[in-house]
Amino acid sequence: MRILSQEGLRDGIIDVPYEQVSIEQKENEIWCGYSSTMDRHCVGKCFAKYSTEVKARKAMEMLREEYTGMPNIRRMDDLYGRFKHTGKKDFELFIEHMVLKKCYFQFPTDDEVEI
């Protein structure tokens, strides 16, 4: 899954793979942390700012909820291998789910976070 920076702060120009970075909440801000497997262009950059620490925590919860259940897939062969024994319908439903989710999460703006 890809993570995009907040619209209005960095307008989604920072786009990183969730599996290769650490995302940290520091008070009312969300930051990209270090990962040895990732290009360091995003390290130490603020991804999102909120008016309160509670809203920032809620945004982190939203990120975790979006990611839950999404497999770490490196190639389509791996994906097919996981689902070929469950039947074509299950595989098709999974693909539809992945396409509909678009496999990305953009941090919401401050006014989009309801607490």
PDB file of N, CA and C in Angstrom:
ATOM      1  N   MET A   1       0.854  -1.172   0.000  1.00  0.00           N
ATOM      2  CA  MET A   1       0.000   0.000   0.000  1.00  0.00           C
ATOM      3  C   MET A   1       0.898   1.233   0.000  1.00  0.00           C
ATOM      4  N   ARG A   2       0.466   2.251  -0.717  1.00  0.00           N
ATOM      5  CA  ARG A   2       1.200   3.508  -0.777  1.00  0.00           C
ATOM      6  C   ARG A   2       0.581   4.507   0.198  1.00  0.00           C
ATOM      7  N   ILE A   3       1.411   5.361   0.773  1.00  0.00           N
ATOM      8  CA  ILE A   3       0.938   6.412   1.673  1.00  0.00           C
ATOM      9  C   ILE A   3       1.274   7.754   1.041  1.00  0.00           C
ATOM     10  N   LEU A   4       0.257   8.610   0.954  1.00  0.00           N
ATOM     11  CA  LEU A   4       0.427   9.942   0.375  1.00  0.00           C
ATOM     12  C   LEU A   4       0.328  11.001   1.462  1.00  0.00           C
ATOM     13  N   SER A   5       1.134  12.034   1.322  1.00  0.00           N
ATOM     14  CA  SER A   5       1.072  13.126   2.284  1.00  0.00           C
ATOM     15  C   SER A   5      -0.248  13.885   2.155  1.00  0.00           C
ATOM     16  N   GLN A   6      -0.554  14.612   3.189  1.00  0.00           N
ATOM     17  CA  GLN A   6      -1.821  15.338   3.306  1.00  0.00           C
ATOM     18  C   GLN A   6      -1.968  16.422   2.232  1.00  0.00           C
ATOM     19  N   GLU A   7      -3.166  16.514   1.693  1.00  0.00           N
ATOM     20  CA  GLU A   7      -3.466  17.590   0.750  1.00  0.00           C
ATOM     21  C   GLU A   7      -3.427  18.913   1.514  1.00  0.00           C
ATOM     22  N   GLY A   8      -2.843  19.918   0.913  1.00  0.00           N
ATOM     23  CA  GLY A   8      -2.748  21.215   1.575  1.00  0.00           C
ATOM     24  C   GLY A   8      -1.426  21.403   2.291  1.00  0.00           C
ATOM     25  N   LEU A   9      -0.852  20.322   2.809  1.00  0.00           N
ATOM     26  CA  LEU A   9       0.450  20.425   3.468  1.00  0.00           C
ATOM     27  C   LEU A   9       1.555  20.146   2.452  1.00  0.00           C
ATOM     28  N   ARG A  10       1.490  18.991   1.852  1.00  0.00           N
ATOM     29  CA  ARG A  10       2.461  18.617   0.817  1.00  0.00           C
ATOM     30  C   ARG A  10       1.738  18.145  -0.441  1.00  0.00           C
ATOM     31  N   ASP A  11       0.421  18.334  -0.460  1.00  0.00           N
ATOM     32  CA  ASP A  11      -0.428  18.039  -1.619  1.00  0.00           C
ATOM     33  C   ASP A  11      -0.198  16.669  -2.243  1.00  0.00           C
ATOM     34  N   GLY A  12       0.095  15.686  -1.408  1.00  0.00           N
ATOM     35  CA  GLY A  12       0.254  14.330  -1.911  1.00  0.00           C
ATOM     36  C   GLY A  12       1.527  14.103  -2.692  1.00  0.00           C
ATOM     37  N   ILE A  13       2.476  15.055  -2.640  1.00  0.00           N
ATOM     38  CA  ILE A  13       3.692  14.873  -3.439  1.00  0.00           C
ATOM     39  C   ILE A  13       4.651  13.868  -2.815  1.00  0.00           C
ATOM     40  N   ILE A  14       4.490  13.576  -1.528  1.00  0.00           N
ATOM     41  CA  ILE A  14       5.284  12.513  -0.931  1.00  0.00           C
ATOM     42  C   ILE A  14       4.446  11.242  -1.000  1.00  0.00           C
ATOM     43  N   ASP A  15       5.004  10.231  -1.612  1.00  0.00           N
ATOM     44  CA  ASP A  15       4.301   8.982  -1.890  1.00  0.00           C
ATOM     45  C   ASP A  15       5.274   7.852  -1.581  1.00  0.00           C
ATOM     46  N   VAL A  16       5.018   7.121  -0.499  1.00  0.00           N
ATOM     47  CA  VAL A  16       5.967   6.086  -0.067  1.00  0.00           C
ATOM     48  C   VAL A  16       5.256   4.758   0.164  1.00  0.00           C
ATOM     49  N   PRO A  17       5.989   3.648   0.066  1.00  0.00           N
ATOM     50  CA  PRO A  17       5.409   2.337   0.362  1.00  0.00           C
ATOM     51  C   PRO A  17       5.331   2.118   1.874  1.00  0.00           C
ATOM     52  N   TYR A  18       4.154   1.813   2.372  1.00  0.00           N
ATOM     53  CA  TYR A  18       3.916   1.624   3.805  1.00  0.00           C
ATOM     54  C   TYR A  18       4.830   0.561   4.396  1.00  0.00           C
ATOM     55  N   GLU A  19       5.096  -0.485   3.633  1.00  0.00           N
ATOM     56  CA  GLU A  19       5.876  -1.607   4.128  1.00  0.00           C
ATOM     57  C   GLU A  19       7.354  -1.274   4.302  1.00  0.00           C
ATOM     58  N   GLN A  20       7.809  -0.130   3.801  1.00  0.00           N
ATOM     59  CA  GLN A  20       9.241   0.182   3.854  1.00  0.00           C
ATOM     60  C   GLN A  20       9.581   1.418   4.667  1.00  0.00           C
ATOM     61  N   VAL A  21       8.610   2.014   5.328  1.00  0.00           N
ATOM     62  CA  VAL A  21       8.893   3.203   6.129  1.00  0.00           C
ATOM     63  C   VAL A  21       8.223   3.074   7.492  1.00  0.00           C
ATOM     64  N   SER A  22       8.653   3.920   8.399  1.00  0.00           N
ATOM     65  CA  SER A  22       7.941   4.031   9.669  1.00  0.00           C
ATOM     66  C   SER A  22       7.189   5.353   9.652  1.00  0.00           C
ATOM     67  N   ILE A  23       5.963   5.304  10.089  1.00  0.00           N
ATOM     68  CA  ILE A  23       5.137   6.505  10.176  1.00  0.00           C
ATOM     69  C   ILE A  23       4.935   6.778  11.666  1.00  0.00           C
ATOM     70  N   GLU A  24       5.253   7.982  12.086  1.00  0.00           N
ATOM     71  CA  GLU A  24       5.233   8.315  13.499  1.00  0.00           C
ATOM     72  C   GLU A  24       4.327   9.503  13.787  1.00  0.00           C
ATOM     73  N   GLN A  25       3.620   9.417  14.896  1.00  0.00           N
ATOM     74  CA  GLN A  25       2.839  10.555  15.366  1.00  0.00           C
ATOM     75  C   GLN A  25       3.680  11.288  16.401  1.00  0.00           C
ATOM     76  N   LYS A  26       3.888  12.579  16.191  1.00  0.00           N
ATOM     77  CA  LYS A  26       4.588  13.434  17.152  1.00  0.00           C
ATOM     78  C   LYS A  26       3.640  14.565  17.497  1.00  0.00           C
ATOM     79  N   GLU A  27       3.007  14.444  18.641  1.00  0.00           N
ATOM     80  CA  GLU A  27       1.997  15.394  19.095  1.00  0.00           C
ATOM     81  C   GLU A  27       0.891  15.510  18.056  1.00  0.00           C
ATOM     82  N   ASN A  28       0.752  16.652  17.395  1.00  0.00           N
ATOM     83  CA  ASN A  28      -0.355  16.820  16.443  1.00  0.00           C
ATOM     84  C   ASN A  28       0.102  16.672  14.984  1.00  0.00           C
ATOM     85  N   GLU A  29       1.259  16.052  14.769  1.00  0.00           N
ATOM     86  CA  GLU A  29       1.790  15.878  13.415  1.00  0.00           C
ATOM     87  C   GLU A  29       2.110  14.407  13.132  1.00  0.00           C
ATOM     88  N   ILE A  30       2.108  14.063  11.849  1.00  0.00           N
ATOM     89  CA  ILE A  30       2.465  12.724  11.394  1.00  0.00           C
ATOM     90  C   ILE A  30       3.748  12.867  10.568  1.00  0.00           C
ATOM     91  N   TRP A  31       4.772  12.086  10.912  1.00  0.00           N
ATOM     92  CA  TRP A  31       6.087  12.176  10.268  1.00  0.00           C
ATOM     93  C   TRP A  31       6.486  10.850   9.645  1.00  0.00           C
ATOM     94  N   CYS A  32       7.300  10.947   8.618  1.00  0.00           N
ATOM     95  CA  CYS A  32       7.888   9.763   7.995  1.00  0.00           C
ATOM     96  C   CYS A  32       9.222   9.503   8.680  1.00  0.00           C
ATOM     97  N   GLY A  33       9.382   8.280   9.176  1.00  0.00           N
ATOM     98  CA  GLY A  33      10.623   7.914   9.847  1.00  0.00           C
ATOM     99  C   GLY A  33      11.543   7.123   8.944  1.00  0.00           C
ATOM    100  N   TYR A  34      12.662   6.740   9.482  1.00  0.00           N
ATOM    101  CA  TYR A  34      13.719   6.071   8.726  1.00  0.00           C
ATOM    102  C   TYR A  34      13.409   4.602   8.437  1.00  0.00           C
ATOM    103  N   SER A  35      13.871   4.166   7.281  1.00  0.00           N
ATOM    104  CA  SER A  35      13.876   2.746   6.933  1.00  0.00           C
ATOM    105  C   SER A  35      15.103   2.495   6.072  1.00  0.00           C
ATOM    106  N   SER A  36      15.865   1.467   6.394  1.00  0.00           N
ATOM    107  CA  SER A  36      17.110   1.194   5.664  1.00  0.00           C
ATOM    108  C   SER A  36      16.865   0.739   4.233  1.00  0.00           C
ATOM    109  N   THR A  37      15.648   0.281   3.924  1.00  0.00           N
ATOM    110  CA  THR A  37      15.363  -0.227   2.582  1.00  0.00           C
ATOM    111  C   THR A  37      14.730   0.825   1.684  1.00  0.00           C
ATOM    112  N   MET A  38      14.604   2.033   2.172  1.00  0.00           N
ATOM    113  CA  MET A  38      13.861   3.075   1.446  1.00  0.00           C
ATOM    114  C   MET A  38      14.776   4.222   1.063  1.00  0.00           C
ATOM    115  N   ASP A  39      14.527   4.804  -0.086  1.00  0.00           N
ATOM    116  CA  ASP A  39      15.195   6.043  -0.465  1.00  0.00           C
ATOM    117  C   ASP A  39      14.896   7.069   0.624  1.00  0.00           C
ATOM    118  N   ARG A  40      15.871   7.793   1.064  1.00  0.00           N
ATOM    119  CA  ARG A  40      15.713   8.681   2.221  1.00  0.00           C
ATOM    120  C   ARG A  40      15.070  10.025   1.907  1.00  0.00           C
ATOM    121  N   HIS A  41      14.510  10.216   0.721  1.00  0.00           N
ATOM    122  CA  HIS A  41      13.930  11.518   0.368  1.00  0.00           C
ATOM    123  C   HIS A  41      12.758  11.919   1.256  1.00  0.00           C
ATOM    124  N   CYS A  42      12.111  10.959   1.886  1.00  0.00           N
ATOM    125  CA  CYS A  42      10.940  11.293   2.707  1.00  0.00           C
ATOM    126  C   CYS A  42      11.249  11.326   4.192  1.00  0.00           C
ATOM    127  N   VAL A  43      12.412  10.849   4.597  1.00  0.00           N
ATOM    128  CA  VAL A  43      12.751  10.757   6.017  1.00  0.00           C
ATOM    129  C   VAL A  43      12.810  12.148   6.630  1.00  0.00           C
ATOM    130  N   GLY A  44      12.158  12.275   7.770  1.00  0.00           N
ATOM    131  CA  GLY A  44      12.157  13.552   8.465  1.00  0.00           C
ATOM    132  C   GLY A  44      11.205  14.578   7.883  1.00  0.00           C
ATOM    133  N   LYS A  45      10.289  14.132   7.055  1.00  0.00           N
ATOM    134  CA  LYS A  45       9.303  15.042   6.456  1.00  0.00           C
ATOM    135  C   LYS A  45       7.962  14.869   7.165  1.00  0.00           C
ATOM    136  N   CYS A  46       7.287  15.983   7.358  1.00  0.00           N
ATOM    137  CA  CYS A  46       5.955  15.957   7.953  1.00  0.00           C
ATOM    138  C   CYS A  46       4.940  15.595   6.871  1.00  0.00           C
ATOM    139  N   PHE A  47       4.157  14.551   7.125  1.00  0.00           N
ATOM    140  CA  PHE A  47       3.149  14.091   6.177  1.00  0.00           C
ATOM    141  C   PHE A  47       1.803  14.762   6.400  1.00  0.00           C
ATOM    142  N   ALA A  48       1.524  15.122   7.649  1.00  0.00           N
ATOM    143  CA  ALA A  48       0.213  15.692   7.970  1.00  0.00           C
ATOM    144  C   ALA A  48       0.281  16.475   9.274  1.00  0.00           C
ATOM    145  N   LYS A  49      -0.543  17.532   9.350  1.00  0.00           N
ATOM    146  CA  LYS A  49      -0.653  18.333  10.576  1.00  0.00           C
ATOM    147  C   LYS A  49      -2.126  18.450  10.940  1.00  0.00           C
ATOM    148  N   TYR A  50      -2.401  18.371  12.236  1.00  0.00           N
ATOM    149  CA  TYR A  50      -3.770  18.465  12.736  1.00  0.00           C
ATOM    150  C   TYR A  50      -3.844  19.481  13.864  1.00  0.00           C
ATOM    151  N   SER A  51      -5.034  19.952  14.114  1.00  0.00           N
ATOM    152  CA  SER A  51      -5.216  20.990  15.132  1.00  0.00           C
ATOM    153  C   SER A  51      -5.039  20.453  16.547  1.00  0.00           C
ATOM    154  N   THR A  52      -5.225  19.153  16.727  1.00  0.00           N
ATOM    155  CA  THR A  52      -5.063  18.555  18.051  1.00  0.00           C
ATOM    156  C   THR A  52      -4.337  17.220  17.945  1.00  0.00           C
ATOM    157  N   GLU A  53      -3.770  16.795  19.057  1.00  0.00           N
ATOM    158  CA  GLU A  53      -3.115  15.494  19.131  1.00  0.00           C
ATOM    159  C   GLU A  53      -4.132  14.361  18.959  1.00  0.00           C
ATOM    160  N   VAL A  54      -5.344  14.578  19.428  1.00  0.00           N
ATOM    161  CA  VAL A  54      -6.409  13.576  19.293  1.00  0.00           C
ATOM    162  C   VAL A  54      -6.736  13.324  17.821  1.00  0.00           C
ATOM    163  N   LYS A  55      -6.783  14.382  17.030  1.00  0.00           N
ATOM    164  CA  LYS A  55      -7.051  14.225  15.597  1.00  0.00           C
ATOM    165  C   LYS A  55      -5.898  13.489  14.907  1.00  0.00           C
ATOM    166  N   ALA A  56      -4.678  13.791  15.299  1.00  0.00           N
ATOM    167  CA  ALA A  56      -3.522  13.089  14.723  1.00  0.00           C
ATOM    168  C   ALA A  56      -3.584  11.603  15.060  1.00  0.00           C
ATOM    169  N   ARG A  57      -3.947  11.281  16.290  1.00  0.00           N
ATOM    170  CA  ARG A  57      -4.090   9.877  16.700  1.00  0.00           C
ATOM    171  C   ARG A  57      -5.183   9.192  15.890  1.00  0.00           C
ATOM    172  N   LYS A  58      -6.284   9.889  15.656  1.00  0.00           N
ATOM    173  CA  LYS A  58      -7.385   9.345  14.858  1.00  0.00           C
ATOM    174  C   LYS A  58      -6.925   9.086  13.423  1.00  0.00           C
ATOM    175  N   ALA A  59      -6.120   9.995  12.860  1.00  0.00           N
ATOM    176  CA  ALA A  59      -5.601   9.806  11.498  1.00  0.00           C
ATOM    177  C   ALA A  59      -4.703   8.571  11.433  1.00  0.00           C
ATOM    178  N   MET A  60      -3.907   8.338  12.472  1.00  0.00           N
ATOM    179  CA  MET A  60      -3.071   7.136  12.520  1.00  0.00           C
ATOM    180  C   MET A  60      -3.946   5.883  12.590  1.00  0.00           C
ATOM    181  N   GLU A  61      -5.034   5.952  13.344  1.00  0.00           N
ATOM    182  CA  GLU A  61      -5.979   4.828  13.404  1.00  0.00           C
ATOM    183  C   GLU A  61      -6.586   4.569  12.030  1.00  0.00           C
ATOM    184  N   MET A  62      -6.916   5.634  11.318  1.00  0.00           N
ATOM    185  CA  MET A  62      -7.487   5.497   9.978  1.00  0.00           C
ATOM    186  C   MET A  62      -6.494   4.800   9.043  1.00  0.00           C
ATOM    187  N   LEU A  63      -5.220   5.147   9.159  1.00  0.00           N
ATOM    188  CA  LEU A  63      -4.188   4.501   8.352  1.00  0.00           C
ATOM    189  C   LEU A  63      -4.123   3.006   8.661  1.00  0.00           C
ATOM    190  N   ARG A  64      -4.097   2.656   9.944  1.00  0.00           N
ATOM    191  CA  ARG A  64      -4.038   1.241  10.326  1.00  0.00           C
ATOM    192  C   ARG A  64      -5.271   0.486   9.847  1.00  0.00           C
ATOM    193  N   GLU A  65      -6.444   1.086   9.959  1.00  0.00           N
ATOM    194  CA  GLU A  65      -7.672   0.435   9.502  1.00  0.00           C
ATOM    195  C   GLU A  65      -7.650   0.216   7.995  1.00  0.00           C
ATOM    196  N   GLU A  66      -7.125   1.174   7.262  1.00  0.00           N
ATOM    197  CA  GLU A  66      -7.041   1.049   5.804  1.00  0.00           C
ATOM    198  C   GLU A  66      -6.101  -0.085   5.415  1.00  0.00           C
ATOM    199  N   TYR A  67      -5.027  -0.239   6.176  1.00  0.00           N
ATOM    200  CA  TYR A  67      -4.024  -1.256   5.851  1.00  0.00           C
ATOM    201  C   TYR A  67      -4.447  -2.664   6.272  1.00  0.00           C
ATOM    202  N   THR A  68      -5.238  -2.785   7.286  1.00  0.00           N
ATOM    203  CA  THR A  68      -5.596  -4.085   7.837  1.00  0.00           C
ATOM    204  C   THR A  68      -6.115  -5.028   6.762  1.00  0.00           C
ATOM    205  N   GLY A  69      -5.531  -6.192   6.728  1.00  0.00           N
ATOM    206  CA  GLY A  69      -5.987  -7.214   5.798  1.00  0.00           C
ATOM    207  C   GLY A  69      -5.376  -7.144   4.424  1.00  0.00           C
ATOM    208  N   MET A  70      -4.597  -6.121   4.146  1.00  0.00           N
ATOM    209  CA  MET A  70      -3.977  -6.039   2.826  1.00  0.00           C
ATOM    210  C   MET A  70      -2.687  -6.846   2.840  1.00  0.00           C
ATOM    211  N   PRO A  71      -2.558  -7.819   1.972  1.00  0.00           N
ATOM    212  CA  PRO A  71      -1.363  -8.666   1.972  1.00  0.00           C
ATOM    213  C   PRO A  71      -0.151  -7.948   1.393  1.00  0.00           C
ATOM    214  N   ASN A  72       1.018  -8.418   1.773  1.00  0.00           N
ATOM    215  CA  ASN A  72       2.257  -7.901   1.208  1.00  0.00           C
ATOM    216  C   ASN A  72       2.543  -8.709  -0.052  1.00  0.00           C
ATOM    217  N   ILE A  73       2.183  -8.186  -1.207  1.00  0.00           N
ATOM    218  CA  ILE A  73       2.301  -8.881  -2.482  1.00  0.00           C
ATOM    219  C   ILE A  73       3.411  -8.237  -3.303  1.00  0.00           C
ATOM    220  N   ARG A  74       4.366  -9.030  -3.746  1.00  0.00           N
ATOM    221  CA  ARG A  74       5.460  -8.496  -4.545  1.00  0.00           C
ATOM    222  C   ARG A  74       5.243  -8.711  -6.036  1.00  0.00           C
ATOM    223  N   ARG A  75       4.559  -9.783  -6.409  1.00  0.00           N
ATOM    224  CA  ARG A  75       4.321 -10.077  -7.824  1.00  0.00           C
ATOM    225  C   ARG A  75       2.927 -10.665  -7.975  1.00  0.00           C
ATOM    226  N   MET A  76       2.364 -10.538  -9.151  1.00  0.00           N
ATOM    227  CA  MET A  76       1.042 -11.105  -9.411  1.00  0.00           C
ATOM    228  C   MET A  76       1.066 -12.624  -9.250  1.00  0.00           C
ATOM    229  N   ASP A  77       2.201 -13.277  -9.548  1.00  0.00           N
ATOM    230  CA  ASP A  77       2.306 -14.728  -9.365  1.00  0.00           C
ATOM    231  C   ASP A  77       2.072 -15.099  -7.909  1.00  0.00           C
ATOM    232  N   ASP A  78       2.621 -14.292  -6.991  1.00  0.00           N
ATOM    233  CA  ASP A  78       2.422 -14.550  -5.565  1.00  0.00           C
ATOM    234  C   ASP A  78       0.950 -14.433  -5.203  1.00  0.00           C
ATOM    235  N   LEU A  79       0.297 -13.406  -5.730  1.00  0.00           N
ATOM    236  CA  LEU A  79      -1.116 -13.190  -5.466  1.00  0.00           C
ATOM    237  C   LEU A  79      -1.940 -14.365  -5.977  1.00  0.00           C
ATOM    238  N   TYR A  80      -1.688 -14.761  -7.208  1.00  0.00           N
ATOM    239  CA  TYR A  80      -2.441 -15.875  -7.781  1.00  0.00           C
ATOM    240  C   TYR A  80      -2.186 -17.151  -6.994  1.00  0.00           C
ATOM    241  N   GLY A  81      -0.944 -17.371  -6.588  1.00  0.00           N
ATOM    242  CA  GLY A  81      -0.612 -18.573  -5.823  1.00  0.00           C
ATOM    243  C   GLY A  81      -1.382 -18.669  -4.523  1.00  0.00           C
ATOM    244  N   ARG A  82      -1.656 -17.554  -3.902  1.00  0.00           N
ATOM    245  CA  ARG A  82      -2.394 -17.559  -2.634  1.00  0.00           C
ATOM    246  C   ARG A  82      -3.871 -17.885  -2.823  1.00  0.00           C
ATOM    247  N   PHE A  83      -4.410 -17.581  -3.999  1.00  0.00           N
ATOM    248  CA  PHE A  83      -5.850 -17.705  -4.181  1.00  0.00           C
ATOM    249  C   PHE A  83      -6.284 -18.771  -5.173  1.00  0.00           C
ATOM    250  N   LYS A  84      -5.353 -19.428  -5.868  1.00  0.00           N
ATOM    251  CA  LYS A  84      -5.748 -20.364  -6.913  1.00  0.00           C
ATOM    252  C   LYS A  84      -6.508 -21.566  -6.357  1.00  0.00           C
ATOM    253  N   HIS A  85      -6.280 -21.928  -5.095  1.00  0.00           N
ATOM    254  CA  HIS A  85      -6.957 -23.081  -4.512  1.00  0.00           C
ATOM    255  C   HIS A  85      -8.312 -22.739  -3.897  1.00  0.00           C
ATOM    256  N   THR A  86      -8.614 -21.469  -3.798  1.00  0.00           N
ATOM    257  CA  THR A  86      -9.876 -21.074  -3.172  1.00  0.00           C
ATOM    258  C   THR A  86     -11.002 -20.938  -4.181  1.00  0.00           C
ATOM    259  N   GLY A  87     -10.680 -21.001  -5.444  1.00  0.00           N
ATOM    260  CA  GLY A  87     -11.709 -20.876  -6.473  1.00  0.00           C
ATOM    261  C   GLY A  87     -11.632 -19.533  -7.173  1.00  0.00           C
ATOM    262  N   LYS A  88     -12.044 -19.531  -8.411  1.00  0.00           N
ATOM    263  CA  LYS A  88     -11.942 -18.337  -9.244  1.00  0.00           C
ATOM    264  C   LYS A  88     -12.748 -17.173  -8.674  1.00  0.00           C
ATOM    265  N   LYS A  89     -13.904 -17.466  -8.132  1.00  0.00           N
ATOM    266  CA  LYS A  89     -14.740 -16.380  -7.624  1.00  0.00           C
ATOM    267  C   LYS A  89     -14.036 -15.615  -6.498  1.00  0.00           C
ATOM    268  N   ASP A  90     -13.416 -16.335  -5.557  1.00  0.00           N
ATOM    269  CA  ASP A  90     -12.710 -15.673  -4.467  1.00  0.00           C
ATOM    270  C   ASP A  90     -11.565 -14.810  -4.991  1.00  0.00           C
ATOM    271  N   PHE A  91     -10.837 -15.336  -5.959  1.00  0.00           N
ATOM    272  CA  PHE A  91      -9.724 -14.598  -6.549  1.00  0.00           C
ATOM    273  C   PHE A  91     -10.233 -13.322  -7.218  1.00  0.00           C
ATOM    274  N   GLU A  92     -11.308 -13.431  -7.966  1.00  0.00           N
ATOM    275  CA  GLU A  92     -11.874 -12.256  -8.637  1.00  0.00           C
ATOM    276  C   GLU A  92     -12.361 -11.226  -7.626  1.00  0.00           C
ATOM    277  N   LEU A  93     -12.980 -11.688  -6.549  1.00  0.00           N
ATOM    278  CA  LEU A  93     -13.443 -10.760  -5.518  1.00  0.00           C
ATOM    279  C   LEU A  93     -12.270 -10.031  -4.872  1.00  0.00           C
ATOM    280  N   PHE A  94     -11.179 -10.762  -4.659  1.00  0.00           N
ATOM    281  CA  PHE A  94     -10.004 -10.134  -4.060  1.00  0.00           C
ATOM    282  C   PHE A  94      -9.430  -9.063  -4.986  1.00  0.00           C
ATOM    283  N   ILE A  95      -9.306  -9.379  -6.267  1.00  0.00           N
ATOM    284  CA  ILE A  95      -8.786  -8.406  -7.235  1.00  0.00           C
ATOM    285  C   ILE A  95      -9.680  -7.166  -7.269  1.00  0.00           C
ATOM    286  N   GLU A  96     -10.983  -7.381  -7.293  1.00  0.00           N
ATOM    287  CA  GLU A  96     -11.926  -6.251  -7.294  1.00  0.00           C
ATOM    288  C   GLU A  96     -11.724  -5.396  -6.054  1.00  0.00           C
ATOM    289  N   HIS A  97     -11.559  -6.046  -4.909  1.00  0.00           N
ATOM    290  CA  HIS A  97     -11.344  -5.340  -3.654  1.00  0.00           C
ATOM    291  C   HIS A  97     -10.073  -4.487  -3.738  1.00  0.00           C
ATOM    292  N   MET A  98      -8.995  -5.057  -4.266  1.00  0.00           N
ATOM    293  CA  MET A  98      -7.735  -4.336  -4.370  1.00  0.00           C
ATOM    294  C   MET A  98      -7.863  -3.143  -5.317  1.00  0.00           C
ATOM    295  N   VAL A  99      -8.564  -3.321  -6.421  1.00  0.00           N
ATOM    296  CA  VAL A  99      -8.729  -2.233  -7.385  1.00  0.00           C
ATOM    297  C   VAL A  99      -9.591  -1.124  -6.795  1.00  0.00           C
ATOM    298  N   LEU A 100     -10.666  -1.508  -6.118  1.00  0.00           N
ATOM    299  CA  LEU A 100     -11.545  -0.499  -5.525  1.00  0.00           C
ATOM    300  C   LEU A 100     -10.841   0.289  -4.427  1.00  0.00           C
ATOM    301  N   LYS A 101     -10.003  -0.383  -3.654  1.00  0.00           N
ATOM    302  CA  LYS A 101      -9.279   0.303  -2.586  1.00  0.00           C
ATOM    303  C   LYS A 101      -8.155   1.164  -3.135  1.00  0.00           C
ATOM    304  N   LYS A 102      -7.752   0.902  -4.343  1.00  0.00           N
ATOM    305  CA  LYS A 102      -6.703   1.650  -5.032  1.00  0.00           C
ATOM    306  C   LYS A 102      -5.333   1.474  -4.384  1.00  0.00           C
ATOM    307  N   CYS A 103      -5.273   0.735  -3.301  1.00  0.00           N
ATOM    308  CA  CYS A 103      -4.004   0.414  -2.644  1.00  0.00           C
ATOM    309  C   CYS A 103      -3.215   1.649  -2.215  1.00  0.00           C
ATOM    310  N   TYR A 104      -3.910   2.705  -1.826  1.00  0.00           N
ATOM    311  CA  TYR A 104      -3.204   3.851  -1.274  1.00  0.00           C
ATOM    312  C   TYR A 104      -4.036   4.483  -0.172  1.00  0.00           C
ATOM    313  N   PHE A 105      -3.371   5.262   0.668  1.00  0.00           N
ATOM    314  CA  PHE A 105      -4.017   6.013   1.730  1.00  0.00           C
ATOM    315  C   PHE A 105      -3.417   7.407   1.729  1.00  0.00           C
ATOM    316  N   GLN A 106      -4.269   8.418   1.624  1.00  0.00           N
ATOM    317  CA  GLN A 106      -3.796   9.794   1.747  1.00  0.00           C
ATOM    318  C   GLN A 106      -4.283  10.332   3.083  1.00  0.00           C
ATOM    319  N   PHE A 107      -3.356  10.891   3.851  1.00  0.00           N
ATOM    320  CA  PHE A 107      -3.759  11.436   5.134  1.00  0.00           C
ATOM    321  C   PHE A 107      -4.832  12.492   4.932  1.00  0.00           C
ATOM    322  N   PRO A 108      -5.929  12.389   5.681  1.00  0.00           N
ATOM    323  CA  PRO A 108      -7.029  13.347   5.526  1.00  0.00           C
ATOM    324  C   PRO A 108      -6.642  14.732   6.055  1.00  0.00           C
ATOM    325  N   THR A 109      -7.349  15.728   5.588  1.00  0.00           N
ATOM    326  CA  THR A 109      -7.137  17.088   6.089  1.00  0.00           C
ATOM    327  C   THR A 109      -7.728  17.180   7.493  1.00  0.00           C
ATOM    328  N   ASP A 110      -7.385  18.231   8.194  1.00  0.00           N
ATOM    329  CA  ASP A 110      -7.839  18.411   9.573  1.00  0.00           C
ATOM    330  C   ASP A 110      -9.359  18.368   9.684  1.00  0.00           C
ATOM    331  N   ASP A 111     -10.052  19.031   8.769  1.00  0.00           N
ATOM    332  CA  ASP A 111     -11.523  19.072   8.846  1.00  0.00           C
ATOM    333  C   ASP A 111     -12.188  17.763   8.417  1.00  0.00           C
ATOM    334  N   GLU A 112     -11.449  16.850   7.813  1.00  0.00           N
ATOM    335  CA  GLU A 112     -12.004  15.552   7.436  1.00  0.00           C
ATOM    336  C   GLU A 112     -11.953  14.528   8.565  1.00  0.00           C
ATOM    337  N   VAL A 113     -11.202  14.823   9.620  1.00  0.00           N
ATOM    338  CA  VAL A 113     -11.065  13.900  10.752  1.00  0.00           C
ATOM    339  C   VAL A 113     -12.107  14.229  11.803  1.00  0.00           C
ATOM    340  N   GLU A 114     -13.009  13.272  12.029  1.00  0.00           N
ATOM    341  CA  GLU A 114     -14.054  13.457  13.035  1.00  0.00           C
ATOM    342  C   GLU A 114     -13.689  12.696  14.296  1.00  0.00           C
ATOM    343  N   ILE A 115     -13.791  13.370  15.433  1.00  0.00           N
ATOM    344  CA  ILE A 115     -13.466  12.705  16.700  1.00  0.00           C
ATOM    345  C   ILE A 115     -14.673  12.626  17.602  1.00  0.00           C
TER     346      ILE A 115
END
